[in-house]
Amino acid sequence: FVTADLDEGPIIEQSVERVDHSKSVEDLREIGRDIE
């Protein structure tokens, strides 16, 4: 949720994915977009 405190509102959902050294910057960006 959005509050006046930037990015500190009550958390609704969180997701993560493991990555390793083989991932390029663009790989990380694409993984991040999917998770978002």
PDB file of all heavy atoms in Angstrom:
ATOM      1  N   PHE A   1       0.847  -1.186   0.000  1.00  0.00           N
ATOM      2  CA  PHE A   1       0.000   0.000   0.000  1.00  0.00           C
ATOM      3  C   PHE A   1       0.885   1.240   0.000  1.00  0.00           C
ATOM      4  O   PHE A   1       1.984   1.243   0.563  1.00  0.00           O
ATOM      5  CB  PHE A   1      -0.915   0.027   1.226  1.00  0.00           C
ATOM      6  CG  PHE A   1      -2.070  -0.940   1.143  1.00  0.00           C
ATOM      7  CD1 PHE A   1      -2.173  -2.003   2.017  1.00  0.00           C
ATOM      8  CD2 PHE A   1      -3.067  -0.772   0.193  1.00  0.00           C
ATOM      9  CE1 PHE A   1      -3.228  -2.897   1.956  1.00  0.00           C
ATOM     10  CE2 PHE A   1      -4.126  -1.653   0.113  1.00  0.00           C
ATOM     11  CZ  PHE A   1      -4.210  -2.720   0.995  1.00  0.00           C
ATOM     12  N   VAL A   2       0.403   2.282  -0.642  1.00  0.00           N
ATOM     13  CA  VAL A   2       1.157   3.526  -0.718  1.00  0.00           C
ATOM     14  C   VAL A   2       0.799   4.424   0.451  1.00  0.00           C
ATOM     15  O   VAL A   2      -0.382   4.622   0.766  1.00  0.00           O
ATOM     16  CB  VAL A   2       0.875   4.254  -2.047  1.00  0.00           C
ATOM     17  CG1 VAL A   2       1.531   5.638  -2.059  1.00  0.00           C
ATOM     18  CG2 VAL A   2       1.385   3.418  -3.212  1.00  0.00           C
ATOM     19  N   THR A   3       1.823   4.952   1.103  1.00  0.00           N
ATOM     20  CA  THR A   3       1.653   5.937   2.168  1.00  0.00           C
ATOM     21  C   THR A   3       2.586   7.108   1.876  1.00  0.00           C
ATOM     22  O   THR A   3       3.358   7.083   0.914  1.00  0.00           O
ATOM     23  CB  THR A   3       1.992   5.343   3.550  1.00  0.00           C
ATOM     24  OG1 THR A   3       3.383   5.004   3.584  1.00  0.00           O
ATOM     25  CG2 THR A   3       1.140   4.109   3.847  1.00  0.00           C
ATOM     26  N   ALA A   4       2.530   8.112   2.721  1.00  0.00           N
ATOM     27  CA  ALA A   4       3.399   9.272   2.553  1.00  0.00           C
ATOM     28  C   ALA A   4       4.873   8.918   2.769  1.00  0.00           C
ATOM     29  O   ALA A   4       5.761   9.635   2.315  1.00  0.00           O
ATOM     30  CB  ALA A   4       2.987  10.389   3.507  1.00  0.00           C
ATOM     31  N   ASP A   5       5.149   7.809   3.457  1.00  0.00           N
ATOM     32  CA  ASP A   5       6.519   7.324   3.624  1.00  0.00           C
ATOM     33  C   ASP A   5       6.890   6.488   2.407  1.00  0.00           C
ATOM     34  O   ASP A   5       6.377   5.380   2.229  1.00  0.00           O
ATOM     35  CB  ASP A   5       6.661   6.481   4.898  1.00  0.00           C
ATOM     36  CG  ASP A   5       6.400   7.293   6.150  1.00  0.00           C
ATOM     37  OD1 ASP A   5       6.834   8.456   6.186  1.00  0.00           O
ATOM     38  OD2 ASP A   5       5.753   6.763   7.074  1.00  0.00           O
ATOM     39  N   LEU A   6       7.757   6.983   1.560  1.00  0.00           N
ATOM     40  CA  LEU A   6       8.060   6.378   0.268  1.00  0.00           C
ATOM     41  C   LEU A   6       8.464   4.908   0.414  1.00  0.00           C
ATOM     42  O   LEU A   6       9.408   4.578   1.120  1.00  0.00           O
ATOM     43  CB  LEU A   6       9.180   7.165  -0.421  1.00  0.00           C
ATOM     44  CG  LEU A   6       9.569   6.693  -1.824  1.00  0.00           C
ATOM     45  CD1 LEU A   6       8.400   6.827  -2.782  1.00  0.00           C
ATOM     46  CD2 LEU A   6      10.777   7.478  -2.320  1.00  0.00           C
ATOM     47  N   ASP A   7       7.721   4.038  -0.296  1.00  0.00           N
ATOM     48  CA  ASP A   7       8.004   2.595  -0.365  1.00  0.00           C
ATOM     49  C   ASP A   7       8.013   1.921   1.001  1.00  0.00           C
ATOM     50  O   ASP A   7       8.644   0.870   1.171  1.00  0.00           O
ATOM     51  CB  ASP A   7       9.340   2.340  -1.080  1.00  0.00           C
ATOM     52  CG  ASP A   7       9.282   2.697  -2.556  1.00  0.00           C
ATOM     53  OD1 ASP A   7       8.209   2.521  -3.165  1.00  0.00           O
ATOM     54  OD2 ASP A   7      10.304   3.177  -3.089  1.00  0.00           O
ATOM     55  N   GLU A   8       7.325   2.495   1.971  1.00  0.00           N
ATOM     56  CA  GLU A   8       7.310   1.906   3.309  1.00  0.00           C
ATOM     57  C   GLU A   8       5.905   1.579   3.791  1.00  0.00           C
ATOM     58  O   GLU A   8       5.688   1.336   4.974  1.00  0.00           O
ATOM     59  CB  GLU A   8       8.010   2.843   4.303  1.00  0.00           C
ATOM     60  CG  GLU A   8       9.499   3.004   4.047  1.00  0.00           C
ATOM     61  CD  GLU A   8      10.199   3.804   5.126  1.00  0.00           C
ATOM     62  OE1 GLU A   8       9.582   4.054   6.181  1.00  0.00           O
ATOM     63  OE2 GLU A   8      11.362   4.186   4.919  1.00  0.00           O
ATOM     64  N   GLY A   9       4.931   1.566   2.875  1.00  0.00           N
ATOM     65  CA  GLY A   9       3.566   1.231   3.254  1.00  0.00           C
ATOM     66  C   GLY A   9       3.417  -0.242   3.602  1.00  0.00           C
ATOM     67  O   GLY A   9       4.313  -1.061   3.326  1.00  0.00           O
ATOM     68  N   PRO A  10       2.296  -0.634   4.199  1.00  0.00           N
ATOM     69  CA  PRO A  10       2.071  -2.032   4.583  1.00  0.00           C
ATOM     70  C   PRO A  10       2.260  -2.983   3.403  1.00  0.00           C
ATOM     71  O   PRO A  10       1.707  -2.775   2.327  1.00  0.00           O
ATOM     72  CB  PRO A  10       0.616  -2.027   5.068  1.00  0.00           C
ATOM     73  CG  PRO A  10       0.389  -0.623   5.548  1.00  0.00           C
ATOM     74  CD  PRO A  10       1.174   0.242   4.610  1.00  0.00           C
ATOM     75  N   ILE A  11       3.052  -4.023   3.622  1.00  0.00           N
ATOM     76  CA  ILE A  11       3.405  -4.972   2.562  1.00  0.00           C
ATOM     77  C   ILE A  11       2.265  -5.958   2.335  1.00  0.00           C
ATOM     78  O   ILE A  11       1.707  -6.526   3.282  1.00  0.00           O
ATOM     79  CB  ILE A  11       4.694  -5.715   2.929  1.00  0.00           C
ATOM     80  CG1 ILE A  11       5.879  -4.742   2.943  1.00  0.00           C
ATOM     81  CG2 ILE A  11       4.970  -6.861   1.957  1.00  0.00           C
ATOM     82  CD1 ILE A  11       7.147  -5.331   3.534  1.00  0.00           C
ATOM     83  N   ILE A  12       1.933  -6.161   1.055  1.00  0.00           N
ATOM     84  CA  ILE A  12       0.868  -7.089   0.680  1.00  0.00           C
ATOM     85  C   ILE A  12       1.437  -8.420   0.196  1.00  0.00           C
ATOM     86  O   ILE A  12       1.002  -9.489   0.601  1.00  0.00           O
ATOM     87  CB  ILE A  12      -0.019  -6.477  -0.422  1.00  0.00           C
ATOM     88  CG1 ILE A  12      -0.655  -5.180   0.065  1.00  0.00           C
ATOM     89  CG2 ILE A  12      -1.083  -7.473  -0.880  1.00  0.00           C
ATOM     90  CD1 ILE A  12      -1.330  -4.377  -1.036  1.00  0.00           C
ATOM     91  N   GLU A  13       2.420  -8.348  -0.708  1.00  0.00           N
ATOM     92  CA  GLU A  13       2.966  -9.558  -1.321  1.00  0.00           C
ATOM     93  C   GLU A  13       4.432  -9.344  -1.679  1.00  0.00           C
ATOM     94  O   GLU A  13       4.837  -8.238  -2.047  1.00  0.00           O
ATOM     95  CB  GLU A  13       2.168  -9.900  -2.582  1.00  0.00           C
ATOM     96  CG  GLU A  13       2.630 -11.118  -3.354  1.00  0.00           C
ATOM     97  CD  GLU A  13       2.481 -12.427  -2.589  1.00  0.00           C
ATOM     98  OE1 GLU A  13       3.199 -12.592  -1.575  1.00  0.00           O
ATOM     99  OE2 GLU A  13       1.667 -13.275  -3.007  1.00  0.00           O
ATOM    100  N   GLN A  14       5.222 -10.407  -1.555  1.00  0.00           N
ATOM    101  CA  GLN A  14       6.633 -10.376  -1.958  1.00  0.00           C
ATOM    102  C   GLN A  14       6.978 -11.683  -2.655  1.00  0.00           C
ATOM    103  O   GLN A  14       6.488 -12.743  -2.282  1.00  0.00           O
ATOM    104  CB  GLN A  14       7.548 -10.181  -0.745  1.00  0.00           C
ATOM    105  CG  GLN A  14       7.412  -8.816  -0.080  1.00  0.00           C
ATOM    106  CD  GLN A  14       8.297  -8.677   1.140  1.00  0.00           C
ATOM    107  OE1 GLN A  14       8.176  -9.448   2.074  1.00  0.00           O
ATOM    108  NE2 GLN A  14       9.188  -7.701   1.115  1.00  0.00           N
ATOM    109  N   SER A  15       7.825 -11.593  -3.685  1.00  0.00           N
ATOM    110  CA  SER A  15       8.272 -12.781  -4.410  1.00  0.00           C
ATOM    111  C   SER A  15       9.763 -12.659  -4.686  1.00  0.00           C
ATOM    112  O   SER A  15      10.280 -11.554  -4.843  1.00  0.00           O
ATOM    113  CB  SER A  15       7.519 -12.933  -5.736  1.00  0.00           C
ATOM    114  OG  SER A  15       6.123 -12.967  -5.530  1.00  0.00           O
ATOM    115  N   VAL A  16      10.457 -13.800  -4.766  1.00  0.00           N
ATOM    116  CA  VAL A  16      11.884 -13.803  -5.071  1.00  0.00           C
ATOM    117  C   VAL A  16      12.203 -14.948  -6.019  1.00  0.00           C
ATOM    118  O   VAL A  16      11.465 -15.924  -6.120  1.00  0.00           O
ATOM    119  CB  VAL A  16      12.764 -13.939  -3.808  1.00  0.00           C
ATOM    120  CG1 VAL A  16      12.603 -12.744  -2.894  1.00  0.00           C
ATOM    121  CG2 VAL A  16      12.458 -15.236  -3.066  1.00  0.00           C
ATOM    122  N   GLU A  17      13.348 -14.817  -6.723  1.00  0.00           N
ATOM    123  CA  GLU A  17      13.872 -15.893  -7.572  1.00  0.00           C
ATOM    124  C   GLU A  17      15.385 -15.886  -7.460  1.00  0.00           C
ATOM    125  O   GLU A  17      16.011 -14.825  -7.479  1.00  0.00           O
ATOM    126  CB  GLU A  17      13.448 -15.683  -9.025  1.00  0.00           C
ATOM    127  CG  GLU A  17      13.909 -16.805  -9.952  1.00  0.00           C
ATOM    128  CD  GLU A  17      13.344 -16.687 -11.350  1.00  0.00           C
ATOM    129  OE1 GLU A  17      12.217 -16.153 -11.479  1.00  0.00           O
ATOM    130  OE2 GLU A  17      14.020 -17.110 -12.307  1.00  0.00           O
ATOM    131  N   ARG A  18      15.963 -17.086  -7.345  1.00  0.00           N
ATOM    132  CA  ARG A  18      17.418 -17.198  -7.261  1.00  0.00           C
ATOM    133  C   ARG A  18      18.042 -16.972  -8.633  1.00  0.00           C
ATOM    134  O   ARG A  18      17.519 -17.409  -9.662  1.00  0.00           O
ATOM    135  CB  ARG A  18      17.835 -18.570  -6.723  1.00  0.00           C
ATOM    136  CG  ARG A  18      17.684 -18.708  -5.213  1.00  0.00           C
ATOM    137  CD  ARG A  18      18.502 -19.904  -4.714  1.00  0.00           C
ATOM    138  NE  ARG A  18      19.937 -19.694  -4.869  1.00  0.00           N
ATOM    139  CZ  ARG A  18      20.694 -19.030  -4.005  1.00  0.00           C
ATOM    140  NH1 ARG A  18      20.159 -18.507  -2.912  1.00  0.00           N
ATOM    141  NH2 ARG A  18      21.987 -18.900  -4.218  1.00  0.00           N
ATOM    142  N   VAL A  19      19.183 -16.291  -8.626  1.00  0.00           N
ATOM    143  CA  VAL A  19      19.975 -16.098  -9.843  1.00  0.00           C
ATOM    144  C   VAL A  19      21.436 -16.406  -9.511  1.00  0.00           C
ATOM    145  O   VAL A  19      21.802 -16.539  -8.346  1.00  0.00           O
ATOM    146  CB  VAL A  19      19.845 -14.658 -10.388  1.00  0.00           C
ATOM    147  CG1 VAL A  19      18.421 -14.378 -10.846  1.00  0.00           C
ATOM    148  CG2 VAL A  19      20.290 -13.636  -9.341  1.00  0.00           C
ATOM    149  N   ASP A  20      22.267 -16.505 -10.553  1.00  0.00           N
ATOM    150  CA  ASP A  20      23.685 -16.763 -10.302  1.00  0.00           C
ATOM    151  C   ASP A  20      24.556 -15.901 -11.200  1.00  0.00           C
ATOM    152  O   ASP A  20      24.069 -15.051 -11.946  1.00  0.00           O
ATOM    153  CB  ASP A  20      24.020 -18.255 -10.454  1.00  0.00           C
ATOM    154  CG  ASP A  20      23.759 -18.774 -11.865  1.00  0.00           C
ATOM    155  OD1 ASP A  20      23.792 -17.965 -12.824  1.00  0.00           O
ATOM    156  OD2 ASP A  20      23.518 -19.981 -12.018  1.00  0.00           O
ATOM    157  N   HIS A  21      25.857 -16.156 -11.153  1.00  0.00           N
ATOM    158  CA  HIS A  21      26.842 -15.336 -11.847  1.00  0.00           C
ATOM    159  C   HIS A  21      26.697 -15.361 -13.366  1.00  0.00           C
ATOM    160  O   HIS A  21      27.203 -14.488 -14.054  1.00  0.00           O
ATOM    161  CB  HIS A  21      28.252 -15.825 -11.474  1.00  0.00           C
ATOM    162  CG  HIS A  21      28.469 -17.256 -11.841  1.00  0.00           C
ATOM    163  ND1 HIS A  21      28.099 -18.284 -11.004  1.00  0.00           N
ATOM    164  CD2 HIS A  21      28.980 -17.834 -12.958  1.00  0.00           C
ATOM    165  CE1 HIS A  21      28.380 -19.435 -11.587  1.00  0.00           C
ATOM    166  NE2 HIS A  21      28.924 -19.194 -12.778  1.00  0.00           N
ATOM    167  N   SER A  22      25.992 -16.362 -13.903  1.00  0.00           N
ATOM    168  CA  SER A  22      25.886 -16.492 -15.352  1.00  0.00           C
ATOM    169  C   SER A  22      24.895 -15.516 -15.971  1.00  0.00           C
ATOM    170  O   SER A  22      24.878 -15.342 -17.192  1.00  0.00           O
ATOM    171  CB  SER A  22      25.491 -17.923 -15.729  1.00  0.00           C
ATOM    172  OG  SER A  22      24.159 -18.199 -15.307  1.00  0.00           O
ATOM    173  N   LYS A  23      24.074 -14.888 -15.150  1.00  0.00           N
ATOM    174  CA  LYS A  23      23.030 -13.997 -15.665  1.00  0.00           C
ATOM    175  C   LYS A  23      23.624 -12.630 -16.011  1.00  0.00           C
ATOM    176  O   LYS A  23      24.345 -12.026 -15.214  1.00  0.00           O
ATOM    177  CB  LYS A  23      21.912 -13.822 -14.636  1.00  0.00           C
ATOM    178  CG  LYS A  23      21.250 -15.121 -14.191  1.00  0.00           C
ATOM    179  CD  LYS A  23      20.600 -15.852 -15.346  1.00  0.00           C
ATOM    180  CE  LYS A  23      19.897 -17.119 -14.845  1.00  0.00           C
ATOM    181  NZ  LYS A  23      19.353 -17.906 -15.976  1.00  0.00           N
ATOM    182  N   SER A  24      23.287 -12.153 -17.195  1.00  0.00           N
ATOM    183  CA  SER A  24      23.699 -10.816 -17.605  1.00  0.00           C
ATOM    184  C   SER A  24      22.808  -9.766 -16.968  1.00  0.00           C
ATOM    185  O   SER A  24      21.787 -10.092 -16.339  1.00  0.00           O
ATOM    186  CB  SER A  24      23.617 -10.684 -19.127  1.00  0.00           C
ATOM    187  OG  SER A  24      22.258 -10.743 -19.556  1.00  0.00           O
ATOM    188  N   VAL A  25      23.175  -8.507 -17.147  1.00  0.00           N
ATOM    189  CA  VAL A  25      22.341  -7.418 -16.634  1.00  0.00           C
ATOM    190  C   VAL A  25      20.945  -7.498 -17.240  1.00  0.00           C
ATOM    191  O   VAL A  25      19.934  -7.345 -16.541  1.00  0.00           O
ATOM    192  CB  VAL A  25      22.978  -6.052 -16.943  1.00  0.00           C
ATOM    193  CG1 VAL A  25      22.035  -4.915 -16.534  1.00  0.00           C
ATOM    194  CG2 VAL A  25      24.315  -5.910 -16.230  1.00  0.00           C
ATOM    195  N   GLU A  26      20.865  -7.763 -18.545  1.00  0.00           N
ATOM    196  CA  GLU A  26      19.556  -7.842 -19.199  1.00  0.00           C
ATOM    197  C   GLU A  26      18.761  -9.057 -18.713  1.00  0.00           C
ATOM    198  O   GLU A  26      17.541  -8.988 -18.557  1.00  0.00           O
ATOM    199  CB  GLU A  26      19.719  -7.901 -20.722  1.00  0.00           C
ATOM    200  CG  GLU A  26      18.399  -7.777 -21.482  1.00  0.00           C
ATOM    201  CD  GLU A  26      17.589  -6.540 -21.098  1.00  0.00           C
ATOM    202  OE1 GLU A  26      18.188  -5.479 -20.826  1.00  0.00           O
ATOM    203  OE2 GLU A  26      16.343  -6.643 -21.066  1.00  0.00           O
ATOM    204  N   ASP A  27      19.450 -10.181 -18.441  1.00  0.00           N
ATOM    205  CA  ASP A  27      18.778 -11.346 -17.861  1.00  0.00           C
ATOM    206  C   ASP A  27      18.139 -10.974 -16.523  1.00  0.00           C
ATOM    207  O   ASP A  27      16.982 -11.321 -16.253  1.00  0.00           O
ATOM    208  CB  ASP A  27      19.768 -12.489 -17.633  1.00  0.00           C
ATOM    209  CG  ASP A  27      20.260 -13.128 -18.915  1.00  0.00           C
ATOM    210  OD1 ASP A  27      19.537 -13.042 -19.930  1.00  0.00           O
ATOM    211  OD2 ASP A  27      21.368 -13.695 -18.893  1.00  0.00           O
ATOM    212  N   LEU A  28      18.906 -10.299 -15.676  1.00  0.00           N
ATOM    213  CA  LEU A  28      18.396  -9.899 -14.368  1.00  0.00           C
ATOM    214  C   LEU A  28      17.206  -8.959 -14.523  1.00  0.00           C
ATOM    215  O   LEU A  28      16.214  -9.077 -13.797  1.00  0.00           O
ATOM    216  CB  LEU A  28      19.495  -9.212 -13.556  1.00  0.00           C
ATOM    217  CG  LEU A  28      20.743 -10.031 -13.233  1.00  0.00           C
ATOM    218  CD1 LEU A  28      21.696  -9.224 -12.368  1.00  0.00           C
ATOM    219  CD2 LEU A  28      20.381 -11.344 -12.553  1.00  0.00           C
ATOM    220  N   ARG A  29      17.300  -8.059 -15.473  1.00  0.00           N
ATOM    221  CA  ARG A  29      16.223  -7.099 -15.690  1.00  0.00           C
ATOM    222  C   ARG A  29      14.936  -7.814 -16.129  1.00  0.00           C
ATOM    223  O   ARG A  29      13.848  -7.500 -15.656  1.00  0.00           O
ATOM    224  CB  ARG A  29      16.652  -6.049 -16.716  1.00  0.00           C
ATOM    225  CG  ARG A  29      15.657  -4.905 -16.871  1.00  0.00           C
ATOM    226  CD  ARG A  29      16.190  -3.835 -17.807  1.00  0.00           C
ATOM    227  NE  ARG A  29      17.266  -3.067 -17.171  1.00  0.00           N
ATOM    228  CZ  ARG A  29      18.541  -3.090 -17.539  1.00  0.00           C
ATOM    229  NH1 ARG A  29      18.919  -3.849 -18.570  1.00  0.00           N
ATOM    230  NH2 ARG A  29      19.436  -2.358 -16.915  1.00  0.00           N
ATOM    231  N   GLU A  30      15.057  -8.782 -17.022  1.00  0.00           N
ATOM    232  CA  GLU A  30      13.887  -9.518 -17.496  1.00  0.00           C
ATOM    233  C   GLU A  30      13.276 -10.356 -16.380  1.00  0.00           C
ATOM    234  O   GLU A  30      12.051 -10.425 -16.236  1.00  0.00           O
ATOM    235  CB  GLU A  30      14.275 -10.420 -18.673  1.00  0.00           C
ATOM    236  CG  GLU A  30      14.487  -9.677 -19.975  1.00  0.00           C
ATOM    237  CD  GLU A  30      13.257  -8.911 -20.410  1.00  0.00           C
ATOM    238  OE1 GLU A  30      12.132  -9.460 -20.293  1.00  0.00           O
ATOM    239  OE2 GLU A  30      13.394  -7.751 -20.834  1.00  0.00           O
ATOM    240  N   ILE A  31      14.118 -10.998 -15.582  1.00  0.00           N
ATOM    241  CA  ILE A  31      13.609 -11.755 -14.437  1.00  0.00           C
ATOM    242  C   ILE A  31      12.878 -10.822 -13.482  1.00  0.00           C
ATOM    243  O   ILE A  31      11.792 -11.139 -12.983  1.00  0.00           O
ATOM    244  CB  ILE A  31      14.764 -12.484 -13.714  1.00  0.00           C
ATOM    245  CG1 ILE A  31      15.332 -13.578 -14.611  1.00  0.00           C
ATOM    246  CG2 ILE A  31      14.290 -13.074 -12.383  1.00  0.00           C
ATOM    247  CD1 ILE A  31      16.634 -14.167 -14.106  1.00  0.00           C
ATOM    248  N   GLY A  32      13.471  -9.654 -13.233  1.00  0.00           N
ATOM    249  CA  GLY A  32      12.843  -8.682 -12.338  1.00  0.00           C
ATOM    250  C   GLY A  32      11.501  -8.213 -12.863  1.00  0.00           C
ATOM    251  O   GLY A  32      10.544  -8.067 -12.097  1.00  0.00           O
ATOM    252  N   ARG A  33      11.400  -7.966 -14.172  1.00  0.00           N
ATOM    253  CA  ARG A  33      10.133  -7.530 -14.744  1.00  0.00           C
ATOM    254  C   ARG A  33       9.047  -8.581 -14.565  1.00  0.00           C
ATOM    255  O   ARG A  33       7.901  -8.260 -14.235  1.00  0.00           O
ATOM    256  CB  ARG A  33      10.321  -7.221 -16.232  1.00  0.00           C
ATOM    257  CG  ARG A  33      11.076  -5.932 -16.522  1.00  0.00           C
ATOM    258  CD  ARG A  33      11.387  -5.821 -17.991  1.00  0.00           C
ATOM    259  NE  ARG A  33      12.125  -4.605 -18.303  1.00  0.00           N
ATOM    260  CZ  ARG A  33      12.917  -4.463 -19.365  1.00  0.00           C
ATOM    261  NH1 ARG A  33      13.060  -5.476 -20.216  1.00  0.00           N
ATOM    262  NH2 ARG A  33      13.553  -3.331 -19.582  1.00  0.00           N
ATOM    263  N   ASP A  34       9.408  -9.846 -14.807  1.00  0.00           N
ATOM    264  CA  ASP A  34       8.423 -10.921 -14.637  1.00  0.00           C
ATOM    265  C   ASP A  34       7.935 -10.999 -13.196  1.00  0.00           C
ATOM    266  O   ASP A  34       6.735 -11.156 -12.938  1.00  0.00           O
ATOM    267  CB  ASP A  34       9.044 -12.266 -15.046  1.00  0.00           C
ATOM    268  CG  ASP A  34       9.222 -12.398 -16.543  1.00  0.00           C
ATOM    269  OD1 ASP A  34       8.609 -11.610 -17.290  1.00  0.00           O
ATOM    270  OD2 ASP A  34       9.990 -13.292 -16.969  1.00  0.00           O
ATOM    271  N   ILE A  35       8.879 -10.905 -12.252  1.00  0.00           N
ATOM    272  CA  ILE A  35       8.497 -10.989 -10.836  1.00  0.00           C
ATOM    273  C   ILE A  35       7.626  -9.805 -10.444  1.00  0.00           C
ATOM    274  O   ILE A  35       6.627  -9.953  -9.735  1.00  0.00           O
ATOM    275  CB  ILE A  35       9.748 -11.073  -9.940  1.00  0.00           C
ATOM    276  CG1 ILE A  35      10.520 -12.361 -10.221  1.00  0.00           C
ATOM    277  CG2 ILE A  35       9.352 -11.022  -8.464  1.00  0.00           C
ATOM    278  CD1 ILE A  35      11.849 -12.454  -9.505  1.00  0.00           C
ATOM    279  N   GLU A  36       7.995  -8.601 -10.897  1.00  0.00           N
ATOM    280  CA  GLU A  36       7.187  -7.421 -10.597  1.00  0.00           C
ATOM    281  C   GLU A  36       5.763  -7.585 -11.121  1.00  0.00           C
ATOM    282  O   GLU A  36       4.785  -7.282 -10.415  1.00  0.00           O
ATOM    283  CB  GLU A  36       7.829  -6.182 -11.213  1.00  0.00           C
ATOM    284  CG  GLU A  36       9.092  -5.717 -10.510  1.00  0.00           C
ATOM    285  CD  GLU A  36       9.776  -4.582 -11.250  1.00  0.00           C
ATOM    286  OE1 GLU A  36       9.279  -4.145 -12.301  1.00  0.00           O
ATOM    287  OE2 GLU A  36      10.829  -4.127 -10.752  1.00  0.00           O
TER     288      GLU A  36
END
